[in-house]
Amino acid sequence: MTLHVVPALTAVSPAVMVTNLRRAYGNRVVIENLNLRIERGEFVALLGESGCGKTTLLRALAGLDPVDGGRIAAPRRPAVVFQEHRLLPWDSLWRNVSLGLQVGNPRDRAATALAEVGLGDRLDDWPRNLSGGQAQRVALARALVQEPELLLLDEPFAALDALTRIRMHDLVRELVATHRPGVFLVTHDVDEAIALADRILVMRDGRIAFEHRTRGRGGASIARTELLAELGVGATHPAPAA
């Protein structure tokens, strides 16, 4: 049973609202009575152990998976960036970025989006010629060219090296500040969540079990200690060097 409700959005509507969501696979309940609200312009990160339902929730928000109960109020076409860039190898970069874009000048729109991610000179290049970080930049451009009200990020930086991840974090912050979508990031990386999010959630037993607002509540070290404790990890693990 799919209960994915899309209301008429107004200027004050949240980017997404989830009420009493339930999702099960046979007798195994993955999400139970979950509630979530993300405002437009708000960056929310979700942490949790593997198998706790993080990606199941993201796919439900994207409209990719059905749910068994509850209500999701979200835009019809949220933008999604996955861990794999999923670029089409037979299409140029600008065609990948403009895929599905319903405008009269898709190449121009793609050129603007690629320039935003630092690849404005690569319109006619091919995915095979890109590094992993460059490919994820194109994936971000493809998501944001749609001017989405909701941007869903499913561990998009997990496969990148440390320096490339830092650069991608800076880029994402800039792009989100410019485009102002509501953002929902699924990640296993506590430090990534602290670096990017306005609000960090921990998922456990199919529900949101903990919430931390990163602004106005002391330093990152305090947030990290709290989050690691919620994830069942001892505080003896040092933060990575800056």
C-alpha atoms as a PDB file:
ATOM      1  CA  MET A   1       0.000   0.000   0.000  1.00  0.00           C
ATOM      2  CA  THR A   2       1.466   3.347  -1.023  1.00  0.00           C
ATOM      3  CA  LEU A   3       0.453   6.398   0.981  1.00  0.00           C
ATOM      4  CA  HIS A   4       2.618   9.039  -0.632  1.00  0.00           C
ATOM      5  CA  VAL A   5       0.572  12.237  -0.452  1.00  0.00           C
ATOM      6  CA  VAL A   6       1.679  15.294  -2.393  1.00  0.00           C
ATOM      7  CA  PRO A   7      -0.241  18.414  -1.332  1.00  0.00           C
ATOM      8  CA  ALA A   8      -0.228  21.781  -3.022  1.00  0.00           C
ATOM      9  CA  LEU A   9       2.896  23.503  -1.698  1.00  0.00           C
ATOM     10  CA  THR A  10       2.797  27.097  -0.530  1.00  0.00           C
ATOM     11  CA  ALA A  11       5.496  29.610   0.312  1.00  0.00           C
ATOM     12  CA  VAL A  12       5.456  28.488   3.943  1.00  0.00           C
ATOM     13  CA  SER A  13       5.235  24.730   3.343  1.00  0.00           C
ATOM     14  CA  PRO A  14       8.096  22.566   4.609  1.00  0.00           C
ATOM     15  CA  ALA A  15      10.313  20.787   2.089  1.00  0.00           C
ATOM     16  CA  VAL A  16       8.949  17.487   3.393  1.00  0.00           C
ATOM     17  CA  MET A  17       6.734  16.264   6.216  1.00  0.00           C
ATOM     18  CA  VAL A  18       6.444  12.634   7.305  1.00  0.00           C
ATOM     19  CA  THR A  19       3.725  11.489   9.690  1.00  0.00           C
ATOM     20  CA  ASN A  20       3.502   8.061  11.386  1.00  0.00           C
ATOM     21  CA  LEU A  21       5.427   6.332   8.595  1.00  0.00           C
ATOM     22  CA  ARG A  22       5.571   2.541   8.530  1.00  0.00           C
ATOM     23  CA  ARG A  23       7.530   0.246   6.214  1.00  0.00           C
ATOM     24  CA  ALA A  24       7.892  -3.513   6.523  1.00  0.00           C
ATOM     25  CA  TYR A  25       9.395  -6.305   4.437  1.00  0.00           C
ATOM     26  CA  GLY A  26       7.198  -9.262   5.182  1.00  0.00           C
ATOM     27  CA  ASN A  27       7.247  -9.746   8.945  1.00  0.00           C
ATOM     28  CA  ARG A  28      10.292  -7.519   9.421  1.00  0.00           C
ATOM     29  CA  VAL A  29       9.307  -3.968  10.351  1.00  0.00           C
ATOM     30  CA  VAL A  30      12.010  -1.515   9.244  1.00  0.00           C
ATOM     31  CA  ILE A  31      10.276   1.803   9.971  1.00  0.00           C
ATOM     32  CA  GLU A  32       7.548   2.223  12.577  1.00  0.00           C
ATOM     33  CA  ASN A  33       5.633   5.381  13.540  1.00  0.00           C
ATOM     34  CA  LEU A  34       8.352   7.697  12.192  1.00  0.00           C
ATOM     35  CA  ASN A  35       7.780  11.457  12.091  1.00  0.00           C
ATOM     36  CA  LEU A  36       9.998  13.970  10.332  1.00  0.00           C
ATOM     37  CA  ARG A  37       9.798  17.572   9.144  1.00  0.00           C
ATOM     38  CA  ILE A  38      12.445  19.370   7.081  1.00  0.00           C
ATOM     39  CA  GLU A  39      12.069  23.051   6.335  1.00  0.00           C
ATOM     40  CA  ARG A  40      13.084  24.641   3.062  1.00  0.00           C
ATOM     41  CA  GLY A  41      16.695  25.709   3.295  1.00  0.00           C
ATOM     42  CA  GLU A  42      17.333  23.340   6.224  1.00  0.00           C
ATOM     43  CA  PHE A  43      20.095  20.716   6.054  1.00  0.00           C
ATOM     44  CA  VAL A  44      19.289  17.532   7.991  1.00  0.00           C
ATOM     45  CA  ALA A  45      21.658  14.568   8.344  1.00  0.00           C
ATOM     46  CA  LEU A  46      20.582  11.076   9.407  1.00  0.00           C
ATOM     47  CA  LEU A  47      22.943   8.681  11.199  1.00  0.00           C
ATOM     48  CA  GLY A  48      22.380   5.111  12.317  1.00  0.00           C
ATOM     49  CA  GLU A  49      23.736   1.601  12.218  1.00  0.00           C
ATOM     50  CA  SER A  50      23.675  -0.335   8.965  1.00  0.00           C
ATOM     51  CA  GLY A  51      20.272  -1.881   8.391  1.00  0.00           C
ATOM     52  CA  CYS A  52      18.388   0.521  10.675  1.00  0.00           C
ATOM     53  CA  GLY A  53      16.254   1.865   7.811  1.00  0.00           C
ATOM     54  CA  LYS A  54      18.109   5.029   6.730  1.00  0.00           C
ATOM     55  CA  THR A  55      18.164   4.292   3.011  1.00  0.00           C
ATOM     56  CA  THR A  56      14.663   2.807   3.170  1.00  0.00           C
ATOM     57  CA  LEU A  57      13.461   6.156   4.505  1.00  0.00           C
ATOM     58  CA  LEU A  58      15.331   8.114   1.838  1.00  0.00           C
ATOM     59  CA  ARG A  59      13.914   5.945  -0.938  1.00  0.00           C
ATOM     60  CA  ALA A  60      10.414   6.432   0.465  1.00  0.00           C
ATOM     61  CA  LEU A  61      10.929  10.219   0.468  1.00  0.00           C
ATOM     62  CA  ALA A  62      12.107   9.994  -3.140  1.00  0.00           C
ATOM     63  CA  GLY A  63       8.983   8.058  -4.128  1.00  0.00           C
ATOM     64  CA  LEU A  64      11.128   5.083  -5.169  1.00  0.00           C
ATOM     65  CA  ASP A  65       9.699   2.650  -2.597  1.00  0.00           C
ATOM     66  CA  PRO A  66       6.143   2.149  -1.328  1.00  0.00           C
ATOM     67  CA  VAL A  67       5.220   2.516   2.335  1.00  0.00           C
ATOM     68  CA  ASP A  68       2.763   0.508   4.394  1.00  0.00           C
ATOM     69  CA  GLY A  69       1.243   3.257   6.467  1.00  0.00           C
ATOM     70  CA  GLY A  70       1.433   6.915   7.341  1.00  0.00           C
ATOM     71  CA  ARG A  71       1.782   9.980   5.175  1.00  0.00           C
ATOM     72  CA  ILE A  72       4.573  11.695   3.252  1.00  0.00           C
ATOM     73  CA  ALA A  73       4.002  15.238   2.038  1.00  0.00           C
ATOM     74  CA  ALA A  74       6.800  16.025  -0.402  1.00  0.00           C
ATOM     75  CA  PRO A  75       7.422  17.549  -3.835  1.00  0.00           C
ATOM     76  CA  ARG A  76       6.537  15.362  -6.783  1.00  0.00           C
ATOM     77  CA  ARG A  77      10.122  15.240  -8.044  1.00  0.00           C
ATOM     78  CA  PRO A  78      12.706  15.544  -5.297  1.00  0.00           C
ATOM     79  CA  ALA A  79      16.282  15.408  -6.564  1.00  0.00           C
ATOM     80  CA  VAL A  80      18.446  12.467  -5.471  1.00  0.00           C
ATOM     81  CA  VAL A  81      22.229  12.016  -5.466  1.00  0.00           C
ATOM     82  CA  PHE A  82      23.381   8.463  -4.729  1.00  0.00           C
ATOM     83  CA  GLN A  83      26.746   7.073  -3.648  1.00  0.00           C
ATOM     84  CA  GLU A  84      27.305   6.078  -7.279  1.00  0.00           C
ATOM     85  CA  HIS A  85      27.098   8.980  -9.703  1.00  0.00           C
ATOM     86  CA  ARG A  86      24.897   7.012 -12.160  1.00  0.00           C
ATOM     87  CA  LEU A  87      25.943   9.082 -15.169  1.00  0.00           C
ATOM     88  CA  LEU A  88      25.046   7.713 -18.593  1.00  0.00           C
ATOM     89  CA  PRO A  89      28.368   6.775 -20.243  1.00  0.00           C
ATOM     90  CA  TRP A  90      27.043   7.273 -23.766  1.00  0.00           C
ATOM     91  CA  ASP A  91      25.960  10.887 -23.202  1.00  0.00           C
ATOM     92  CA  SER A  92      28.036  14.046 -22.866  1.00  0.00           C
ATOM     93  CA  LEU A  93      28.160  15.833 -19.536  1.00  0.00           C
ATOM     94  CA  TRP A  94      25.673  18.511 -20.526  1.00  0.00           C
ATOM     95  CA  ARG A  95      23.216  15.898 -21.728  1.00  0.00           C
ATOM     96  CA  ASN A  96      23.596  13.993 -18.465  1.00  0.00           C
ATOM     97  CA  VAL A  97      22.909  17.155 -16.486  1.00  0.00           C
ATOM     98  CA  SER A  98      19.897  18.156 -18.578  1.00  0.00           C
ATOM     99  CA  LEU A  99      18.345  14.665 -18.574  1.00  0.00           C
ATOM    100  CA  GLY A 100      14.600  15.088 -18.049  1.00  0.00           C
ATOM    101  CA  LEU A 101      14.829  18.882 -17.927  1.00  0.00           C
ATOM    102  CA  GLN A 102      11.696  20.379 -19.482  1.00  0.00           C
ATOM    103  CA  VAL A 103      12.989  23.722 -20.747  1.00  0.00           C
ATOM    104  CA  GLY A 104      13.588  25.269 -24.136  1.00  0.00           C
ATOM    105  CA  ASN A 105      17.336  25.743 -23.643  1.00  0.00           C
ATOM    106  CA  PRO A 106      18.620  22.633 -21.842  1.00  0.00           C
ATOM    107  CA  ARG A 107      22.254  23.089 -22.936  1.00  0.00           C
ATOM    108  CA  ASP A 108      22.376  26.621 -21.508  1.00  0.00           C
ATOM    109  CA  ARG A 109      20.836  25.479 -18.230  1.00  0.00           C
ATOM    110  CA  ALA A 110      23.277  22.572 -18.047  1.00  0.00           C
ATOM    111  CA  ALA A 111      26.179  24.917 -18.773  1.00  0.00           C
ATOM    112  CA  THR A 112      25.179  27.141 -15.843  1.00  0.00           C
ATOM    113  CA  ALA A 113      24.853  24.149 -13.523  1.00  0.00           C
ATOM    114  CA  LEU A 114      28.209  22.698 -14.572  1.00  0.00           C
ATOM    115  CA  ALA A 115      29.864  26.093 -14.075  1.00  0.00           C
ATOM    116  CA  GLU A 116      28.502  26.140 -10.519  1.00  0.00           C
ATOM    117  CA  VAL A 117      30.337  22.898  -9.751  1.00  0.00           C
ATOM    118  CA  GLY A 118      33.556  24.009 -11.448  1.00  0.00           C
ATOM    119  CA  LEU A 119      33.148  22.057 -14.680  1.00  0.00           C
ATOM    120  CA  GLY A 120      31.858  24.761 -16.987  1.00  0.00           C
ATOM    121  CA  ASP A 121      34.546  23.988 -19.559  1.00  0.00           C
ATOM    122  CA  ARG A 122      33.613  20.287 -19.821  1.00  0.00           C
ATOM    123  CA  LEU A 123      30.146  20.434 -21.414  1.00  0.00           C
ATOM    124  CA  ASP A 124      30.993  18.141 -24.321  1.00  0.00           C
ATOM    125  CA  ASP A 125      33.277  15.824 -22.352  1.00  0.00           C
ATOM    126  CA  TRP A 126      32.330  12.243 -21.411  1.00  0.00           C
ATOM    127  CA  PRO A 127      31.846  10.566 -18.015  1.00  0.00           C
ATOM    128  CA  ARG A 128      34.735   8.164 -18.669  1.00  0.00           C
ATOM    129  CA  ASN A 129      37.167  11.086 -18.548  1.00  0.00           C
ATOM    130  CA  LEU A 130      36.166  12.197 -15.040  1.00  0.00           C
ATOM    131  CA  SER A 131      37.648  11.438 -11.647  1.00  0.00           C
ATOM    132  CA  GLY A 132      35.330  10.180  -8.915  1.00  0.00           C
ATOM    133  CA  GLY A 133      35.015  13.642  -7.403  1.00  0.00           C
ATOM    134  CA  GLN A 134      34.308  15.234 -10.779  1.00  0.00           C
ATOM    135  CA  ALA A 135      31.633  12.632 -11.528  1.00  0.00           C
ATOM    136  CA  GLN A 136      29.909  13.419  -8.210  1.00  0.00           C
ATOM    137  CA  ARG A 137      30.060  17.123  -9.083  1.00  0.00           C
ATOM    138  CA  VAL A 138      28.177  16.350 -12.293  1.00  0.00           C
ATOM    139  CA  ALA A 139      25.644  14.326 -10.288  1.00  0.00           C
ATOM    140  CA  LEU A 140      25.113  17.350  -8.017  1.00  0.00           C
ATOM    141  CA  ALA A 141      24.705  19.615 -11.034  1.00  0.00           C
ATOM    142  CA  ARG A 142      22.123  17.208 -12.482  1.00  0.00           C
ATOM    143  CA  ALA A 143      20.176  17.311  -9.211  1.00  0.00           C
ATOM    144  CA  LEU A 144      20.284  21.071  -8.681  1.00  0.00           C
ATOM    145  CA  VAL A 145      19.578  22.090 -12.289  1.00  0.00           C
ATOM    146  CA  GLN A 146      15.981  21.070 -11.538  1.00  0.00           C
ATOM    147  CA  GLU A 147      15.812  23.707  -8.758  1.00  0.00           C
ATOM    148  CA  PRO A 148      14.383  21.095  -6.371  1.00  0.00           C
ATOM    149  CA  GLU A 149      12.568  21.961  -3.167  1.00  0.00           C
ATOM    150  CA  LEU A 150      13.958  18.756  -1.630  1.00  0.00           C
ATOM    151  CA  LEU A 151      17.456  17.347  -2.215  1.00  0.00           C
ATOM    152  CA  LEU A 152      18.133  13.782  -1.036  1.00  0.00           C
ATOM    153  CA  LEU A 153      21.760  12.676  -0.590  1.00  0.00           C
ATOM    154  CA  ASP A 154      22.438   8.958  -0.053  1.00  0.00           C
ATOM    155  CA  GLU A 155      26.083   8.779   1.116  1.00  0.00           C
ATOM    156  CA  PRO A 156      27.252  10.596  -2.034  1.00  0.00           C
ATOM    157  CA  PHE A 157      30.822  11.130  -0.789  1.00  0.00           C
ATOM    158  CA  ALA A 158      31.511   7.727   0.798  1.00  0.00           C
ATOM    159  CA  ALA A 159      33.711   6.467  -2.052  1.00  0.00           C
ATOM    160  CA  LEU A 160      35.853   9.616  -2.318  1.00  0.00           C
ATOM    161  CA  ASP A 161      39.289  10.165  -0.821  1.00  0.00           C
ATOM    162  CA  ALA A 162      39.580  12.415   2.246  1.00  0.00           C
ATOM    163  CA  LEU A 163      40.747  15.587   0.482  1.00  0.00           C
ATOM    164  CA  THR A 164      38.123  15.262  -2.266  1.00  0.00           C
ATOM    165  CA  ARG A 165      35.434  14.789   0.397  1.00  0.00           C
ATOM    166  CA  ILE A 166      36.464  18.019   2.113  1.00  0.00           C
ATOM    167  CA  ARG A 167      36.259  19.877  -1.200  1.00  0.00           C
ATOM    168  CA  MET A 168      32.868  18.327  -1.919  1.00  0.00           C
ATOM    169  CA  HIS A 169      31.614  19.384   1.523  1.00  0.00           C
ATOM    170  CA  ASP A 170      32.614  22.976   0.782  1.00  0.00           C
ATOM    171  CA  LEU A 171      30.916  22.800  -2.613  1.00  0.00           C
ATOM    172  CA  VAL A 172      27.696  21.356  -1.192  1.00  0.00           C
ATOM    173  CA  ARG A 173      27.508  24.083   1.454  1.00  0.00           C
ATOM    174  CA  GLU A 174      27.872  26.739  -1.248  1.00  0.00           C
ATOM    175  CA  LEU A 175      25.296  25.157  -3.550  1.00  0.00           C
ATOM    176  CA  VAL A 176      22.743  24.668  -0.782  1.00  0.00           C
ATOM    177  CA  ALA A 177      23.195  28.276   0.356  1.00  0.00           C
ATOM    178  CA  THR A 178      22.544  29.414  -3.228  1.00  0.00           C
ATOM    179  CA  HIS A 179      19.606  27.161  -4.131  1.00  0.00           C
ATOM    180  CA  ARG A 180      18.004  26.778  -0.661  1.00  0.00           C
ATOM    181  CA  PRO A 181      16.403  23.341  -0.986  1.00  0.00           C
ATOM    182  CA  GLY A 182      15.569  21.291   2.044  1.00  0.00           C
ATOM    183  CA  VAL A 183      18.350  18.696   2.273  1.00  0.00           C
ATOM    184  CA  PHE A 184      18.241  15.180   3.722  1.00  0.00           C
ATOM    185  CA  LEU A 185      21.629  13.460   3.947  1.00  0.00           C
ATOM    186  CA  VAL A 186      22.035   9.788   4.861  1.00  0.00           C
ATOM    187  CA  THR A 187      25.557   9.110   6.114  1.00  0.00           C
ATOM    188  CA  HIS A 188      27.591   6.853   8.404  1.00  0.00           C
ATOM    189  CA  ASP A 189      30.132   9.625   8.996  1.00  0.00           C
ATOM    190  CA  VAL A 190      29.561  11.579  12.217  1.00  0.00           C
ATOM    191  CA  ASP A 191      32.103  14.246  11.278  1.00  0.00           C
ATOM    192  CA  GLU A 192      30.499  14.728   7.874  1.00  0.00           C
ATOM    193  CA  ALA A 193      27.108  15.228   9.526  1.00  0.00           C
ATOM    194  CA  ILE A 194      28.561  17.808  11.932  1.00  0.00           C
ATOM    195  CA  ALA A 195      30.337  19.632   9.103  1.00  0.00           C
ATOM    196  CA  LEU A 196      27.271  19.936   6.894  1.00  0.00           C
ATOM    197  CA  ALA A 197      24.013  19.753   8.822  1.00  0.00           C
ATOM    198  CA  ASP A 198      21.888  22.229  10.746  1.00  0.00           C
ATOM    199  CA  ARG A 199      20.242  19.286  12.496  1.00  0.00           C
ATOM    200  CA  ILE A 200      21.481  15.728  13.020  1.00  0.00           C
ATOM    201  CA  LEU A 201      19.167  12.788  13.680  1.00  0.00           C
ATOM    202  CA  VAL A 202      20.002   9.289  14.886  1.00  0.00           C
ATOM    203  CA  MET A 203      17.741   6.456  13.724  1.00  0.00           C
ATOM    204  CA  ARG A 204      17.240   3.391  15.893  1.00  0.00           C
ATOM    205  CA  ASP A 205      14.622   0.623  15.889  1.00  0.00           C
ATOM    206  CA  GLY A 206      12.780   2.211  12.975  1.00  0.00           C
ATOM    207  CA  ARG A 207      12.323   5.606  14.635  1.00  0.00           C
ATOM    208  CA  ILE A 208      14.149   8.881  15.127  1.00  0.00           C
ATOM    209  CA  ALA A 209      15.720   8.235  18.528  1.00  0.00           C
ATOM    210  CA  PHE A 210      17.873  11.345  18.979  1.00  0.00           C
ATOM    211  CA  GLU A 211      18.148  14.885  17.603  1.00  0.00           C
ATOM    212  CA  HIS A 212      21.016  17.356  17.819  1.00  0.00           C
ATOM    213  CA  ARG A 213      20.916  20.917  16.500  1.00  0.00           C
ATOM    214  CA  THR A 214      24.413  21.931  15.478  1.00  0.00           C
ATOM    215  CA  ARG A 215      23.921  25.672  15.851  1.00  0.00           C
ATOM    216  CA  GLY A 216      23.984  27.432  19.199  1.00  0.00           C
ATOM    217  CA  ARG A 217      24.903  24.367  21.277  1.00  0.00           C
ATOM    218  CA  GLY A 218      28.632  24.520  21.929  1.00  0.00           C
ATOM    219  CA  GLY A 219      31.464  23.084  19.870  1.00  0.00           C
ATOM    220  CA  ALA A 220      31.753  20.236  17.428  1.00  0.00           C
ATOM    221  CA  SER A 221      33.571  18.109  20.015  1.00  0.00           C
ATOM    222  CA  ILE A 222      30.487  18.148  22.254  1.00  0.00           C
ATOM    223  CA  ALA A 223      28.246  17.186  19.347  1.00  0.00           C
ATOM    224  CA  ARG A 224      30.594  14.384  18.345  1.00  0.00           C
ATOM    225  CA  THR A 225      30.661  12.934  21.853  1.00  0.00           C
ATOM    226  CA  GLU A 226      26.869  12.971  22.096  1.00  0.00           C
ATOM    227  CA  LEU A 227      26.379  11.425  18.676  1.00  0.00           C
ATOM    228  CA  LEU A 228      28.945   8.683  19.184  1.00  0.00           C
ATOM    229  CA  ALA A 229      27.283   7.801  22.483  1.00  0.00           C
ATOM    230  CA  GLU A 230      23.896   7.571  20.756  1.00  0.00           C
ATOM    231  CA  LEU A 231      25.449   5.314  18.125  1.00  0.00           C
ATOM    232  CA  GLY A 232      26.899   3.063  20.793  1.00  0.00           C
ATOM    233  CA  VAL A 233      30.514   4.049  20.143  1.00  0.00           C
ATOM    234  CA  GLY A 234      32.858   4.946  23.004  1.00  0.00           C
ATOM    235  CA  ALA A 235      34.210   8.470  23.310  1.00  0.00           C
ATOM    236  CA  THR A 236      37.773   7.152  23.054  1.00  0.00           C
ATOM    237  CA  HIS A 237      37.750   7.527  19.268  1.00  0.00           C
ATOM    238  CA  PRO A 238      39.597  10.784  18.469  1.00  0.00           C
ATOM    239  CA  ALA A 239      38.284  13.291  15.978  1.00  0.00           C
ATOM    240  CA  PRO A 240      40.246  13.352  12.709  1.00  0.00           C
ATOM    241  CA  ALA A 241      42.935  15.987  12.360  1.00  0.00           C
ATOM    242  CA  ALA A 242      41.837  19.170  10.628  1.00  0.00           C
END
